[in-house]
Amino acid sequence: MKDAKAGLEQFLTYRLHVLNKLAERGISERYQTKLGVTLPEARVIASVGSFGPFSIMELARHANLDKSQASRAAEALIRQGLVKREASADDGRVVLVSLTPEGRALYRKVMPIARKWNGDMFDCLDEQEKLDFGHALDKIIGTMTAREE
């Protein structure tokens, strides 16, 4: 009889969760040690710096955070003078968060750390495996996204 745990270890969601926890722990330690920011704060900086400014709802989606996590991280960054709030030019009822000059300077430090960590995670794969893995992930994400629509 097969061990039930062995079956669980083969589920994609289980394996992705394990990989995600390992990856987040590693990058979180780097952000905290090198920049003194938490992972959610670094995600806010990276998202706003790459695609912003955003409302908190948009920020949460782009930074892959819960709305409450995005809000708390943005508030912490506002207190540090790295992010600012401003009314949307399109709709004055909407508040957008954007980077301050100090936040843009931090963004220029966050992204190289993220790129390095991303590269380090893939060091165990050869070039073809990296391409194949990327294509497989794109295919799974595309299929799952289409199912949700």
C-alpha atoms as a PDB file:
ATOM      1  CA  MET A   1       0.000   0.000   0.000  1.00  0.00           C
ATOM      2  CA  LYS A   2       1.314   3.434  -0.923  1.00  0.00           C
ATOM      3  CA  ASP A   3       2.019   6.015   1.744  1.00  0.00           C
ATOM      4  CA  ALA A   4      -0.573   8.828   1.488  1.00  0.00           C
ATOM      5  CA  LYS A   5       2.118  11.425   2.185  1.00  0.00           C
ATOM      6  CA  ALA A   6       4.112  10.298  -0.861  1.00  0.00           C
ATOM      7  CA  GLY A   7       1.086  11.070  -3.029  1.00  0.00           C
ATOM      8  CA  LEU A   8       0.706  14.535  -1.522  1.00  0.00           C
ATOM      9  CA  GLU A   9       4.314  15.340  -2.316  1.00  0.00           C
ATOM     10  CA  GLN A  10       3.535  14.887  -6.008  1.00  0.00           C
ATOM     11  CA  PHE A  11       0.682  17.423  -6.147  1.00  0.00           C
ATOM     12  CA  LEU A  12       1.597  20.573  -8.030  1.00  0.00           C
ATOM     13  CA  THR A  13       0.011  22.848  -5.434  1.00  0.00           C
ATOM     14  CA  TYR A  14       1.965  21.193  -2.614  1.00  0.00           C
ATOM     15  CA  ARG A  15       5.248  21.389  -4.496  1.00  0.00           C
ATOM     16  CA  LEU A  16       4.646  25.019  -5.497  1.00  0.00           C
ATOM     17  CA  HIS A  17       3.848  25.894  -1.891  1.00  0.00           C
ATOM     18  CA  VAL A  18       7.122  24.319  -0.702  1.00  0.00           C
ATOM     19  CA  LEU A  19       9.078  26.121  -3.429  1.00  0.00           C
ATOM     20  CA  ASN A  20       7.320  29.404  -2.670  1.00  0.00           C
ATOM     21  CA  LYS A  21       8.121  29.192   1.051  1.00  0.00           C
ATOM     22  CA  LEU A  22      11.781  28.439   0.345  1.00  0.00           C
ATOM     23  CA  ALA A  23      12.030  31.240  -2.210  1.00  0.00           C
ATOM     24  CA  GLU A  24      10.263  33.787  -0.005  1.00  0.00           C
ATOM     25  CA  ARG A  25      12.399  32.928   3.013  1.00  0.00           C
ATOM     26  CA  GLY A  26      15.586  33.442   0.989  1.00  0.00           C
ATOM     27  CA  ILE A  27      14.625  36.722  -0.655  1.00  0.00           C
ATOM     28  CA  SER A  28      13.068  38.047   2.560  1.00  0.00           C
ATOM     29  CA  GLU A  29      16.346  37.521   4.426  1.00  0.00           C
ATOM     30  CA  ARG A  30      18.253  39.357   1.704  1.00  0.00           C
ATOM     31  CA  TYR A  31      15.912  42.358   1.677  1.00  0.00           C
ATOM     32  CA  GLN A  32      15.961  42.575   5.464  1.00  0.00           C
ATOM     33  CA  THR A  33      19.733  42.194   5.762  1.00  0.00           C
ATOM     34  CA  LYS A  34      20.786  44.383   2.856  1.00  0.00           C
ATOM     35  CA  LEU A  35      18.039  47.021   2.803  1.00  0.00           C
ATOM     36  CA  GLY A  36      16.195  46.815   6.116  1.00  0.00           C
ATOM     37  CA  VAL A  37      12.799  46.248   4.473  1.00  0.00           C
ATOM     38  CA  THR A  38      10.327  43.412   4.726  1.00  0.00           C
ATOM     39  CA  LEU A  39       9.333  41.255   1.767  1.00  0.00           C
ATOM     40  CA  PRO A  40       5.906  42.946   1.426  1.00  0.00           C
ATOM     41  CA  GLU A  41       7.588  46.369   1.525  1.00  0.00           C
ATOM     42  CA  ALA A  42      10.080  45.285  -1.141  1.00  0.00           C
ATOM     43  CA  ARG A  43       7.224  43.950  -3.285  1.00  0.00           C
ATOM     44  CA  VAL A  44       5.412  47.286  -2.980  1.00  0.00           C
ATOM     45  CA  ILE A  45       8.568  49.179  -3.969  1.00  0.00           C
ATOM     46  CA  ALA A  46       9.215  46.803  -6.891  1.00  0.00           C
ATOM     47  CA  SER A  47       5.616  46.907  -8.135  1.00  0.00           C
ATOM     48  CA  VAL A  48       5.135  50.656  -7.867  1.00  0.00           C
ATOM     49  CA  GLY A  49       8.590  51.271  -9.318  1.00  0.00           C
ATOM     50  CA  SER A  50       7.958  48.929 -12.249  1.00  0.00           C
ATOM     51  CA  PHE A  51       4.292  49.594 -13.026  1.00  0.00           C
ATOM     52  CA  GLY A  52       2.831  52.263 -10.678  1.00  0.00           C
ATOM     53  CA  PRO A  53       1.406  54.473  -9.398  1.00  0.00           C
ATOM     54  CA  PHE A  54      -1.397  52.278  -8.049  1.00  0.00           C
ATOM     55  CA  SER A  55      -4.457  52.286  -5.877  1.00  0.00           C
ATOM     56  CA  ILE A  56      -4.129  49.864  -2.955  1.00  0.00           C
ATOM     57  CA  MET A  57      -6.343  47.311  -4.748  1.00  0.00           C
ATOM     58  CA  GLU A  58      -4.209  47.467  -7.899  1.00  0.00           C
ATOM     59  CA  LEU A  59      -1.065  47.374  -5.798  1.00  0.00           C
ATOM     60  CA  ALA A  60      -2.207  44.250  -3.975  1.00  0.00           C
ATOM     61  CA  ARG A  61      -2.841  42.483  -7.274  1.00  0.00           C
ATOM     62  CA  HIS A  62       0.464  43.522  -8.872  1.00  0.00           C
ATOM     63  CA  ALA A  63       2.547  42.851  -5.744  1.00  0.00           C
ATOM     64  CA  ASN A  64       0.793  39.512  -5.163  1.00  0.00           C
ATOM     65  CA  LEU A  65      -0.245  40.569  -1.650  1.00  0.00           C
ATOM     66  CA  ASP A  66      -3.518  40.572   0.237  1.00  0.00           C
ATOM     67  CA  LYS A  67      -5.154  43.994   0.318  1.00  0.00           C
ATOM     68  CA  SER A  68      -4.381  44.300   4.035  1.00  0.00           C
ATOM     69  CA  GLN A  69      -0.719  43.337   3.488  1.00  0.00           C
ATOM     70  CA  ALA A  70      -0.390  45.848   0.669  1.00  0.00           C
ATOM     71  CA  SER A  71      -2.016  48.552   2.768  1.00  0.00           C
ATOM     72  CA  ARG A  72       0.198  47.895   5.816  1.00  0.00           C
ATOM     73  CA  ALA A  73       3.357  47.768   3.686  1.00  0.00           C
ATOM     74  CA  ALA A  74       2.414  50.985   1.869  1.00  0.00           C
ATOM     75  CA  GLU A  75       1.695  52.723   5.191  1.00  0.00           C
ATOM     76  CA  ALA A  76       5.075  51.646   6.585  1.00  0.00           C
ATOM     77  CA  LEU A  77       6.797  52.953   3.451  1.00  0.00           C
ATOM     78  CA  ILE A  78       4.862  56.223   3.644  1.00  0.00           C
ATOM     79  CA  ARG A  79       6.062  56.683   7.236  1.00  0.00           C
ATOM     80  CA  GLN A  80       9.629  56.086   6.010  1.00  0.00           C
ATOM     81  CA  GLY A  81       9.232  58.670   3.240  1.00  0.00           C
ATOM     82  CA  LEU A  82       9.679  56.101   0.475  1.00  0.00           C
ATOM     83  CA  VAL A  83       6.129  56.146  -0.873  1.00  0.00           C
ATOM     84  CA  LYS A  84       3.595  58.966  -1.060  1.00  0.00           C
ATOM     85  CA  ARG A  85      -0.174  59.182  -1.440  1.00  0.00           C
ATOM     86  CA  GLU A  86      -1.803  61.398  -4.023  1.00  0.00           C
ATOM     87  CA  ALA A  87      -5.248  61.794  -5.538  1.00  0.00           C
ATOM     88  CA  SER A  88      -5.762  60.270  -8.952  1.00  0.00           C
ATOM     89  CA  ALA A  89      -5.899  62.817 -11.767  1.00  0.00           C
ATOM     90  CA  ASP A  90      -8.691  60.717 -13.341  1.00  0.00           C
ATOM     91  CA  ASP A  91     -10.812  60.294 -10.210  1.00  0.00           C
ATOM     92  CA  GLY A  92     -10.219  62.440  -7.139  1.00  0.00           C
ATOM     93  CA  ARG A  93     -11.875  59.824  -4.926  1.00  0.00           C
ATOM     94  CA  VAL A  94      -9.100  57.337  -5.722  1.00  0.00           C
ATOM     95  CA  VAL A  95      -5.844  57.541  -3.796  1.00  0.00           C
ATOM     96  CA  LEU A  96      -2.711  56.381  -5.574  1.00  0.00           C
ATOM     97  CA  VAL A  97       0.634  55.436  -4.088  1.00  0.00           C
ATOM     98  CA  SER A  98       3.809  56.359  -5.896  1.00  0.00           C
ATOM     99  CA  LEU A  99       7.504  56.399  -5.102  1.00  0.00           C
ATOM    100  CA  THR A 100       9.270  59.420  -3.648  1.00  0.00           C
ATOM    101  CA  PRO A 101      12.801  60.177  -4.864  1.00  0.00           C
ATOM    102  CA  GLU A 102      14.079  58.132  -1.890  1.00  0.00           C
ATOM    103  CA  GLY A 103      11.724  55.319  -2.895  1.00  0.00           C
ATOM    104  CA  ARG A 104      13.075  55.367  -6.455  1.00  0.00           C
ATOM    105  CA  ALA A 105      16.593  55.079  -5.023  1.00  0.00           C
ATOM    106  CA  LEU A 106      15.478  52.054  -2.991  1.00  0.00           C
ATOM    107  CA  TYR A 107      13.798  50.571  -6.084  1.00  0.00           C
ATOM    108  CA  ARG A 108      17.187  50.689  -7.828  1.00  0.00           C
ATOM    109  CA  LYS A 109      18.562  48.550  -4.965  1.00  0.00           C
ATOM    110  CA  VAL A 110      15.615  46.149  -4.664  1.00  0.00           C
ATOM    111  CA  MET A 111      15.574  45.027  -8.287  1.00  0.00           C
ATOM    112  CA  PRO A 112      19.188  43.803  -8.516  1.00  0.00           C
ATOM    113  CA  ILE A 113      18.658  41.746  -5.349  1.00  0.00           C
ATOM    114  CA  ALA A 114      15.483  40.264  -6.848  1.00  0.00           C
ATOM    115  CA  ARG A 115      17.215  39.501 -10.161  1.00  0.00           C
ATOM    116  CA  LYS A 116      20.168  37.873  -8.386  1.00  0.00           C
ATOM    117  CA  TRP A 117      17.945  35.731  -6.169  1.00  0.00           C
ATOM    118  CA  ASN A 118      15.849  34.705  -9.175  1.00  0.00           C
ATOM    119  CA  GLY A 119      18.999  33.697 -11.024  1.00  0.00           C
ATOM    120  CA  ASP A 120      20.372  31.834  -8.012  1.00  0.00           C
ATOM    121  CA  MET A 121      17.219  29.731  -7.770  1.00  0.00           C
ATOM    122  CA  PHE A 122      17.666  28.601 -11.367  1.00  0.00           C
ATOM    123  CA  ASP A 123      21.390  27.849 -11.125  1.00  0.00           C
ATOM    124  CA  CYS A 124      20.628  24.138 -10.677  1.00  0.00           C
ATOM    125  CA  LEU A 125      19.041  24.024 -14.163  1.00  0.00           C
ATOM    126  CA  ASP A 126      20.774  24.078 -17.513  1.00  0.00           C
ATOM    127  CA  GLU A 127      19.629  26.554 -20.164  1.00  0.00           C
ATOM    128  CA  GLN A 128      17.181  24.162 -21.844  1.00  0.00           C
ATOM    129  CA  GLU A 129      15.640  23.211 -18.495  1.00  0.00           C
ATOM    130  CA  LYS A 130      15.193  26.899 -17.662  1.00  0.00           C
ATOM    131  CA  LEU A 131      13.376  27.478 -20.963  1.00  0.00           C
ATOM    132  CA  ASP A 132      11.258  24.339 -20.557  1.00  0.00           C
ATOM    133  CA  PHE A 133      10.331  25.231 -16.978  1.00  0.00           C
ATOM    134  CA  GLY A 134       9.364  28.765 -18.004  1.00  0.00           C
ATOM    135  CA  HIS A 135       7.218  27.471 -20.858  1.00  0.00           C
ATOM    136  CA  ALA A 136       5.550  24.908 -18.590  1.00  0.00           C
ATOM    137  CA  LEU A 137       4.740  27.550 -15.980  1.00  0.00           C
ATOM    138  CA  ASP A 138       3.376  29.908 -18.660  1.00  0.00           C
ATOM    139  CA  LYS A 139       1.168  27.130 -20.007  1.00  0.00           C
ATOM    140  CA  ILE A 140      -0.194  26.183 -16.576  1.00  0.00           C
ATOM    141  CA  ILE A 141      -0.794  29.814 -15.587  1.00  0.00           C
ATOM    142  CA  GLY A 142      -2.488  30.543 -18.905  1.00  0.00           C
ATOM    143  CA  THR A 143      -4.749  27.518 -18.567  1.00  0.00           C
ATOM    144  CA  MET A 144      -5.684  28.327 -14.970  1.00  0.00           C
ATOM    145  CA  THR A 145      -6.298  31.996 -15.807  1.00  0.00           C
ATOM    146  CA  ALA A 146      -8.594  31.035 -18.683  1.00  0.00           C
ATOM    147  CA  ARG A 147     -10.576  28.743 -16.371  1.00  0.00           C
ATOM    148  CA  GLU A 148     -11.181  31.620 -13.957  1.00  0.00           C
ATOM    149  CA  GLU A 149     -12.578  33.906 -16.660  1.00  0.00           C
END
